[in-house]
Amino acid sequence: MSKDWNKGVTLALEGPGKFSTISTIREASWALIEDWPLEDGDALDKALLALEQAMKGKKSAEAARLAFIAAAHEAAIEIKE
């Protein structure tokens, strides 16, 4: 199962208007662990679990991507469509 996403997620992790694109499950995992503005949250926990499961081939990369986007919404991080 691919660990790359078909479509990256472009979001303002470093502050308003400072966008970066996350394109892989590994990049998303590091972003949640190292750069995320929240330390706790239901969507954050679900995203971490979904990313781990996707790395192990137990969940699709797209499901992990959607969980990552939900965590970004929970953290009020701006996403560029």
PDB file of N, CA and C in Angstrom:
ATOM      1  N   MET A   1       0.844  -1.178   0.000  1.00  0.00           N
ATOM      2  CA  MET A   1       0.000   0.000   0.000  1.00  0.00           C
ATOM      3  C   MET A   1       0.893   1.246   0.000  1.00  0.00           C
ATOM      4  N   SER A   2       0.564   2.205  -0.824  1.00  0.00           N
ATOM      5  CA  SER A   2       1.379   3.410  -0.962  1.00  0.00           C
ATOM      6  C   SER A   2       1.311   4.270   0.293  1.00  0.00           C
ATOM      7  N   LYS A   3       2.441   4.852   0.619  1.00  0.00           N
ATOM      8  CA  LYS A   3       2.496   5.753   1.766  1.00  0.00           C
ATOM      9  C   LYS A   3       2.458   7.218   1.327  1.00  0.00           C
ATOM     10  N   ASP A   4       2.324   7.423   0.020  1.00  0.00           N
ATOM     11  CA  ASP A   4       2.176   8.766  -0.520  1.00  0.00           C
ATOM     12  C   ASP A   4       0.695   9.039  -0.767  1.00  0.00           C
ATOM     13  N   TRP A   5       0.327  10.276  -0.634  1.00  0.00           N
ATOM     14  CA  TRP A   5      -1.045  10.671  -0.893  1.00  0.00           C
ATOM     15  C   TRP A   5      -1.185  11.089  -2.344  1.00  0.00           C
ATOM     16  N   ASN A   6      -2.357  10.850  -2.918  1.00  0.00           N
ATOM     17  CA  ASN A   6      -2.616  11.277  -4.289  1.00  0.00           C
ATOM     18  C   ASN A   6      -2.646  12.797  -4.389  1.00  0.00           C
ATOM     19  N   LYS A   7      -3.056  13.430  -3.308  1.00  0.00           N
ATOM     20  CA  LYS A   7      -3.130  14.894  -3.267  1.00  0.00           C
ATOM     21  C   LYS A   7      -2.574  15.347  -1.928  1.00  0.00           C
ATOM     22  N   GLY A   8      -1.567  16.206  -1.948  1.00  0.00           N
ATOM     23  CA  GLY A   8      -0.983  16.719  -0.718  1.00  0.00           C
ATOM     24  C   GLY A   8      -1.951  17.627   0.028  1.00  0.00           C
ATOM     25  N   VAL A   9      -1.635  17.885   1.274  1.00  0.00           N
ATOM     26  CA  VAL A   9      -2.422  18.788   2.109  1.00  0.00           C
ATOM     27  C   VAL A   9      -1.554  20.015   2.377  1.00  0.00           C
ATOM     28  N   THR A  10      -2.010  21.162   1.898  1.00  0.00           N
ATOM     29  CA  THR A  10      -1.264  22.411   2.069  1.00  0.00           C
ATOM     30  C   THR A  10      -1.893  23.179   3.221  1.00  0.00           C
ATOM     31  N   LEU A  11      -1.100  23.400   4.259  1.00  0.00           N
ATOM     32  CA  LEU A  11      -1.634  24.047   5.440  1.00  0.00           C
ATOM     33  C   LEU A  11      -0.611  24.987   6.066  1.00  0.00           C
ATOM     34  N   ALA A  12      -1.118  25.910   6.878  1.00  0.00           N
ATOM     35  CA  ALA A  12      -0.287  26.948   7.510  1.00  0.00           C
ATOM     36  C   ALA A  12       0.168  26.464   8.883  1.00  0.00           C
ATOM     37  N   LEU A  13       1.162  25.594   8.890  1.00  0.00           N
ATOM     38  CA  LEU A  13       1.667  25.029  10.144  1.00  0.00           C
ATOM     39  C   LEU A  13       2.522  26.015  10.935  1.00  0.00           C
ATOM     40  N   GLU A  14       3.221  26.877  10.246  1.00  0.00           N
ATOM     41  CA  GLU A  14       4.152  27.789  10.917  1.00  0.00           C
ATOM     42  C   GLU A  14       3.544  29.148  11.203  1.00  0.00           C
ATOM     43  N   GLY A  15       2.244  29.278  11.004  1.00  0.00           N
ATOM     44  CA  GLY A  15       1.574  30.540  11.269  1.00  0.00           C
ATOM     45  C   GLY A  15       0.732  30.960  10.085  1.00  0.00           C
ATOM     46  N   PRO A  16      -0.120  31.963  10.278  1.00  0.00           N
ATOM     47  CA  PRO A  16      -1.005  32.427   9.213  1.00  0.00           C
ATOM     48  C   PRO A  16      -0.240  32.812   7.944  1.00  0.00           C
ATOM     49  N   GLY A  17      -0.680  32.262   6.830  1.00  0.00           N
ATOM     50  CA  GLY A  17      -0.089  32.591   5.543  1.00  0.00           C
ATOM     51  C   GLY A  17       1.221  31.896   5.237  1.00  0.00           C
ATOM     52  N   LYS A  18       1.755  31.107   6.145  1.00  0.00           N
ATOM     53  CA  LYS A  18       3.023  30.393   5.935  1.00  0.00           C
ATOM     54  C   LYS A  18       2.704  28.918   5.649  1.00  0.00           C
ATOM     55  N   PHE A  19       2.462  28.641   4.381  1.00  0.00           N
ATOM     56  CA  PHE A  19       1.975  27.329   3.981  1.00  0.00           C
ATOM     57  C   PHE A  19       3.099  26.360   3.641  1.00  0.00           C
ATOM     58  N   SER A  20       2.854  25.109   3.968  1.00  0.00           N
ATOM     59  CA  SER A  20       3.722  24.020   3.530  1.00  0.00           C
ATOM     60  C   SER A  20       2.806  22.869   3.127  1.00  0.00           C
ATOM     61  N   THR A  21       3.316  22.009   2.268  1.00  0.00           N
ATOM     62  CA  THR A  21       2.514  20.895   1.770  1.00  0.00           C
ATOM     63  C   THR A  21       3.034  19.585   2.342  1.00  0.00           C
ATOM     64  N   ILE A  22       2.125  18.819   2.903  1.00  0.00           N
ATOM     65  CA  ILE A  22       2.408  17.495   3.434  1.00  0.00           C
ATOM     66  C   ILE A  22       1.917  16.502   2.389  1.00  0.00           C
ATOM     67  N   SER A  23       2.818  15.621   1.914  1.00  0.00           N
ATOM     68  CA  SER A  23       2.475  14.729   0.805  1.00  0.00           C
ATOM     69  C   SER A  23       2.552  13.247   1.141  1.00  0.00           C
ATOM     70  N   THR A  24       3.084  12.914   2.309  1.00  0.00           N
ATOM     71  CA  THR A  24       3.236  11.500   2.656  1.00  0.00           C
ATOM     72  C   THR A  24       2.763  11.243   4.081  1.00  0.00           C
ATOM     73  N   ILE A  25       2.517   9.993   4.366  1.00  0.00           N
ATOM     74  CA  ILE A  25       2.121   9.593   5.709  1.00  0.00           C
ATOM     75  C   ILE A  25       3.235   9.912   6.702  1.00  0.00           C
ATOM     76  N   ARG A  26       4.468   9.684   6.313  1.00  0.00           N
ATOM     77  CA  ARG A  26       5.606   9.971   7.196  1.00  0.00           C
ATOM     78  C   ARG A  26       5.686  11.471   7.516  1.00  0.00           C
ATOM     79  N   GLU A  27       5.539  12.322   6.505  1.00  0.00           N
ATOM     80  CA  GLU A  27       5.563  13.772   6.739  1.00  0.00           C
ATOM     81  C   GLU A  27       4.433  14.185   7.681  1.00  0.00           C
ATOM     82  N   ALA A  28       3.257  13.597   7.482  1.00  0.00           N
ATOM     83  CA  ALA A  28       2.111  13.929   8.329  1.00  0.00           C
ATOM     84  C   ALA A  28       2.370  13.508   9.774  1.00  0.00           C
ATOM     85  N   SER A  29       2.950  12.340   9.954  1.00  0.00           N
ATOM     86  CA  SER A  29       3.264  11.862  11.301  1.00  0.00           C
ATOM     87  C   SER A  29       4.211  12.816  12.002  1.00  0.00           C
ATOM     88  N   TRP A  30       5.261  13.215  11.306  1.00  0.00           N
ATOM     89  CA  TRP A  30       6.227  14.150  11.906  1.00  0.00           C
ATOM     90  C   TRP A  30       5.580  15.490  12.215  1.00  0.00           C
ATOM     91  N   ALA A  31       4.710  15.957  11.321  1.00  0.00           N
ATOM     92  CA  ALA A  31       4.034  17.233  11.565  1.00  0.00           C
ATOM     93  C   ALA A  31       3.186  17.165  12.828  1.00  0.00           C
ATOM     94  N   LEU A  32       2.451  16.060  13.006  1.00  0.00           N
ATOM     95  CA  LEU A  32       1.608  15.915  14.195  1.00  0.00           C
ATOM     96  C   LEU A  32       2.439  15.818  15.469  1.00  0.00           C
ATOM     97  N   ILE A  33       3.574  15.167  15.383  1.00  0.00           N
ATOM     98  CA  ILE A  33       4.409  14.951  16.565  1.00  0.00           C
ATOM     99  C   ILE A  33       5.260  16.180  16.891  1.00  0.00           C
ATOM    100  N   GLU A  34       5.833  16.809  15.877  1.00  0.00           N
ATOM    101  CA  GLU A  34       6.807  17.882  16.101  1.00  0.00           C
ATOM    102  C   GLU A  34       6.239  19.301  16.009  1.00  0.00           C
ATOM    103  N   ASP A  35       5.287  19.520  15.100  1.00  0.00           N
ATOM    104  CA  ASP A  35       4.885  20.890  14.773  1.00  0.00           C
ATOM    105  C   ASP A  35       3.467  21.259  15.175  1.00  0.00           C
ATOM    106  N   TRP A  36       2.713  20.314  15.691  1.00  0.00           N
ATOM    107  CA  TRP A  36       1.285  20.550  15.926  1.00  0.00           C
ATOM    108  C   TRP A  36       1.064  21.499  17.087  1.00  0.00           C
ATOM    109  N   PRO A  37       0.129  22.460  16.953  1.00  0.00           N
ATOM    110  CA  PRO A  37      -0.105  23.429  18.023  1.00  0.00           C
ATOM    111  C   PRO A  37      -0.874  22.849  19.224  1.00  0.00           C
ATOM    112  N   LEU A  38      -1.536  21.714  19.048  1.00  0.00           N
ATOM    113  CA  LEU A  38      -2.250  21.065  20.153  1.00  0.00           C
ATOM    114  C   LEU A  38      -1.492  19.825  20.603  1.00  0.00           C
ATOM    115  N   GLU A  39      -1.579  19.544  21.884  1.00  0.00           N
ATOM    116  CA  GLU A  39      -0.976  18.311  22.398  1.00  0.00           C
ATOM    117  C   GLU A  39      -2.027  17.238  22.631  1.00  0.00           C
ATOM    118  N   ASP A  40      -3.272  17.648  22.764  1.00  0.00           N
ATOM    119  CA  ASP A  40      -4.365  16.723  23.007  1.00  0.00           C
ATOM    120  C   ASP A  40      -5.536  17.070  22.102  1.00  0.00           C
ATOM    121  N   GLY A  41      -6.302  16.048  21.758  1.00  0.00           N
ATOM    122  CA  GLY A  41      -7.508  16.258  20.972  1.00  0.00           C
ATOM    123  C   GLY A  41      -7.978  14.947  20.373  1.00  0.00           C
ATOM    124  N   ASP A  42      -9.282  14.798  20.261  1.00  0.00           N
ATOM    125  CA  ASP A  42      -9.841  13.569  19.708  1.00  0.00           C
ATOM    126  C   ASP A  42      -9.390  13.340  18.269  1.00  0.00           C
ATOM    127  N   ALA A  43      -9.484  14.382  17.438  1.00  0.00           N
ATOM    128  CA  ALA A  43      -9.094  14.237  16.036  1.00  0.00           C
ATOM    129  C   ALA A  43      -7.591  13.990  15.911  1.00  0.00           C
ATOM    130  N   LEU A  44      -6.807  14.617  16.773  1.00  0.00           N
ATOM    131  CA  LEU A  44      -5.356  14.387  16.772  1.00  0.00           C
ATOM    132  C   LEU A  44      -5.055  12.927  17.081  1.00  0.00           C
ATOM    133  N   ASP A  45      -5.690  12.390  18.116  1.00  0.00           N
ATOM    134  CA  ASP A  45      -5.481  10.984  18.475  1.00  0.00           C
ATOM    135  C   ASP A  45      -5.899  10.052  17.340  1.00  0.00           C
ATOM    136  N   LYS A  46      -7.041  10.352  16.717  1.00  0.00           N
ATOM    137  CA  LYS A  46      -7.524   9.525  15.608  1.00  0.00           C
ATOM    138  C   LYS A  46      -6.577   9.602  14.416  1.00  0.00           C
ATOM    139  N   ALA A  47      -6.036  10.784  14.157  1.00  0.00           N
ATOM    140  CA  ALA A  47      -5.107  10.943  13.038  1.00  0.00           C
ATOM    141  C   ALA A  47      -3.821  10.166  13.287  1.00  0.00           C
ATOM    142  N   LEU A  48      -3.292  10.248  14.488  1.00  0.00           N
ATOM    143  CA  LEU A  48      -2.069   9.498  14.804  1.00  0.00           C
ATOM    144  C   LEU A  48      -2.290   7.998  14.629  1.00  0.00           C
ATOM    145  N   LEU A  49      -3.430   7.515  15.079  1.00  0.00           N
ATOM    146  CA  LEU A  49      -3.756   6.096  14.938  1.00  0.00           C
ATOM    147  C   LEU A  49      -3.940   5.717  13.464  1.00  0.00           C
ATOM    148  N   ALA A  50      -4.650   6.557  12.718  1.00  0.00           N
ATOM    149  CA  ALA A  50      -4.885   6.285  11.299  1.00  0.00           C
ATOM    150  C   ALA A  50      -3.568   6.268  10.523  1.00  0.00           C
ATOM    151  N   LEU A  51      -2.669   7.185  10.830  1.00  0.00           N
ATOM    152  CA  LEU A  51      -1.372   7.223  10.153  1.00  0.00           C
ATOM    153  C   LEU A  51      -0.556   5.978  10.477  1.00  0.00           C
ATOM    154  N   GLU A  52      -0.576   5.559  11.737  1.00  0.00           N
ATOM    155  CA  GLU A  52       0.142   4.350  12.130  1.00  0.00           C
ATOM    156  C   GLU A  52      -0.434   3.125  11.404  1.00  0.00           C
ATOM    157  N   GLN A  53      -1.751   3.041  11.348  1.00  0.00           N
ATOM    158  CA  GLN A  53      -2.388   1.915  10.682  1.00  0.00           C
ATOM    159  C   GLN A  53      -2.099   1.925   9.180  1.00  0.00           C
ATOM    160  N   ALA A  54      -2.049   3.109   8.587  1.00  0.00           N
ATOM    161  CA  ALA A  54      -1.739   3.210   7.156  1.00  0.00           C
ATOM    162  C   ALA A  54      -0.297   2.781   6.884  1.00  0.00           C
ATOM    163  N   MET A  55       0.618   3.135   7.781  1.00  0.00           N
ATOM    164  CA  MET A  55       2.012   2.707   7.618  1.00  0.00           C
ATOM    165  C   MET A  55       2.127   1.184   7.653  1.00  0.00           C
ATOM    166  N   LYS A  56       1.263   0.550   8.425  1.00  0.00           N
ATOM    167  CA  LYS A  56       1.285  -0.913   8.550  1.00  0.00           C
ATOM    168  C   LYS A  56       0.428  -1.603   7.490  1.00  0.00           C
ATOM    169  N   GLY A  57      -0.215  -0.809   6.616  1.00  0.00           N
ATOM    170  CA  GLY A  57      -1.043  -1.377   5.563  1.00  0.00           C
ATOM    171  C   GLY A  57      -2.426  -1.804   6.026  1.00  0.00           C
ATOM    172  N   LYS A  58      -2.830  -1.383   7.210  1.00  0.00           N
ATOM    173  CA  LYS A  58      -4.127  -1.764   7.755  1.00  0.00           C
ATOM    174  C   LYS A  58      -5.217  -0.743   7.457  1.00  0.00           C
ATOM    175  N   LYS A  59      -4.832   0.399   6.937  1.00  0.00           N
ATOM    176  CA  LYS A  59      -5.768   1.467   6.598  1.00  0.00           C
ATOM    177  C   LYS A  59      -5.240   2.131   5.341  1.00  0.00           C
ATOM    178  N   SER A  60      -6.130   2.667   4.531  1.00  0.00           N
ATOM    179  CA  SER A  60      -5.696   3.297   3.284  1.00  0.00           C
ATOM    180  C   SER A  60      -5.005   4.632   3.556  1.00  0.00           C
ATOM    181  N   ALA A  61      -4.151   5.027   2.630  1.00  0.00           N
ATOM    182  CA  ALA A  61      -3.479   6.322   2.719  1.00  0.00           C
ATOM    183  C   ALA A  61      -4.509   7.453   2.703  1.00  0.00           C
ATOM    184  N   GLU A  62      -5.579   7.290   1.933  1.00  0.00           N
ATOM    185  CA  GLU A  62      -6.616   8.325   1.856  1.00  0.00           C
ATOM    186  C   GLU A  62      -7.342   8.474   3.187  1.00  0.00           C
ATOM    187  N   ALA A  63      -7.609   7.384   3.877  1.00  0.00           N
ATOM    188  CA  ALA A  63      -8.250   7.463   5.199  1.00  0.00           C
ATOM    189  C   ALA A  63      -7.344   8.211   6.173  1.00  0.00           C
ATOM    190  N   ALA A  64      -6.047   7.958   6.094  1.00  0.00           N
ATOM    191  CA  ALA A  64      -5.090   8.663   6.949  1.00  0.00           C
ATOM    192  C   ALA A  64      -5.047  10.151   6.592  1.00  0.00           C
ATOM    193  N   ARG A  65      -5.115  10.452   5.307  1.00  0.00           N
ATOM    194  CA  ARG A  65      -5.112  11.847   4.845  1.00  0.00           C
ATOM    195  C   ARG A  65      -6.333  12.594   5.397  1.00  0.00           C
ATOM    196  N   LEU A  66      -7.497  11.964   5.322  1.00  0.00           N
ATOM    197  CA  LEU A  66      -8.715  12.595   5.819  1.00  0.00           C
ATOM    198  C   LEU A  66      -8.664  12.795   7.334  1.00  0.00           C
ATOM    199  N   ALA A  67      -8.082  11.843   8.045  1.00  0.00           N
ATOM    200  CA  ALA A  67      -7.926  11.988   9.489  1.00  0.00           C
ATOM    201  C   ALA A  67      -6.969  13.139   9.816  1.00  0.00           C
ATOM    202  N   PHE A  68      -5.916  13.283   9.014  1.00  0.00           N
ATOM    203  CA  PHE A  68      -4.961  14.379   9.185  1.00  0.00           C
ATOM    204  C   PHE A  68      -5.659  15.733   8.980  1.00  0.00           C
ATOM    205  N   ILE A  69      -6.500  15.808   7.950  1.00  0.00           N
ATOM    206  CA  ILE A  69      -7.244  17.048   7.679  1.00  0.00           C
ATOM    207  C   ILE A  69      -8.189  17.357   8.842  1.00  0.00           C
ATOM    208  N   ALA A  70      -8.853  16.344   9.374  1.00  0.00           N
ATOM    209  CA  ALA A  70      -9.747  16.554  10.528  1.00  0.00           C
ATOM    210  C   ALA A  70      -8.971  17.085  11.724  1.00  0.00           C
ATOM    211  N   ALA A  71      -7.769  16.581  11.936  1.00  0.00           N
ATOM    212  CA  ALA A  71      -6.935  17.073  13.040  1.00  0.00           C
ATOM    213  C   ALA A  71      -6.543  18.535  12.813  1.00  0.00           C
ATOM    214  N   ALA A  72      -6.289  18.893  11.561  1.00  0.00           N
ATOM    215  CA  ALA A  72      -5.957  20.290  11.253  1.00  0.00           C
ATOM    216  C   ALA A  72      -7.150  21.203  11.546  1.00  0.00           C
ATOM    217  N   HIS A  73      -8.345  20.751  11.189  1.00  0.00           N
ATOM    218  CA  HIS A  73      -9.548  21.541  11.508  1.00  0.00           C
ATOM    219  C   HIS A  73      -9.712  21.693  13.013  1.00  0.00           C
ATOM    220  N   GLU A  74      -9.504  20.614  13.755  1.00  0.00           N
ATOM    221  CA  GLU A  74      -9.601  20.647  15.216  1.00  0.00           C
ATOM    222  C   GLU A  74      -8.620  21.667  15.803  1.00  0.00           C
ATOM    223  N   ALA A  75      -7.417  21.744  15.228  1.00  0.00           N
ATOM    224  CA  ALA A  75      -6.384  22.654  15.729  1.00  0.00           C
ATOM    225  C   ALA A  75      -6.505  24.071  15.155  1.00  0.00           C
ATOM    226  N   ALA A  76      -7.540  24.307  14.338  1.00  0.00           N
ATOM    227  CA  ALA A  76      -7.776  25.607  13.705  1.00  0.00           C
ATOM    228  C   ALA A  76      -6.607  26.042  12.825  1.00  0.00           C
ATOM    229  N   ILE A  77      -6.016  25.066  12.134  1.00  0.00           N
ATOM    230  CA  ILE A  77      -4.933  25.347  11.199  1.00  0.00           C
ATOM    231  C   ILE A  77      -5.540  25.604   9.826  1.00  0.00           C
ATOM    232  N   GLU A  78      -5.146  26.705   9.212  1.00  0.00           N
ATOM    233  CA  GLU A  78      -5.669  27.071   7.902  1.00  0.00           C
ATOM    234  C   GLU A  78      -5.186  26.076   6.853  1.00  0.00           C
ATOM    235  N   ILE A  79      -6.122  25.604   6.027  1.00  0.00           N
ATOM    236  CA  ILE A  79      -5.799  24.680   4.942  1.00  0.00           C
ATOM    237  C   ILE A  79      -6.106  25.380   3.631  1.00  0.00           C
ATOM    238  N   LYS A  80      -5.178  25.276   2.699  1.00  0.00           N
ATOM    239  CA  LYS A  80      -5.359  25.856   1.364  1.00  0.00           C
ATOM    240  C   LYS A  80      -5.863  24.768   0.448  1.00  0.00           C
ATOM    241  N   GLU A  81      -7.004  24.992  -0.157  1.00  0.00           N
ATOM    242  CA  GLU A  81      -7.590  23.990  -1.076  1.00  0.00           C
ATOM    243  C   GLU A  81      -7.039  24.135  -2.463  1.00  0.00           C
TER     244      GLU A  81
END
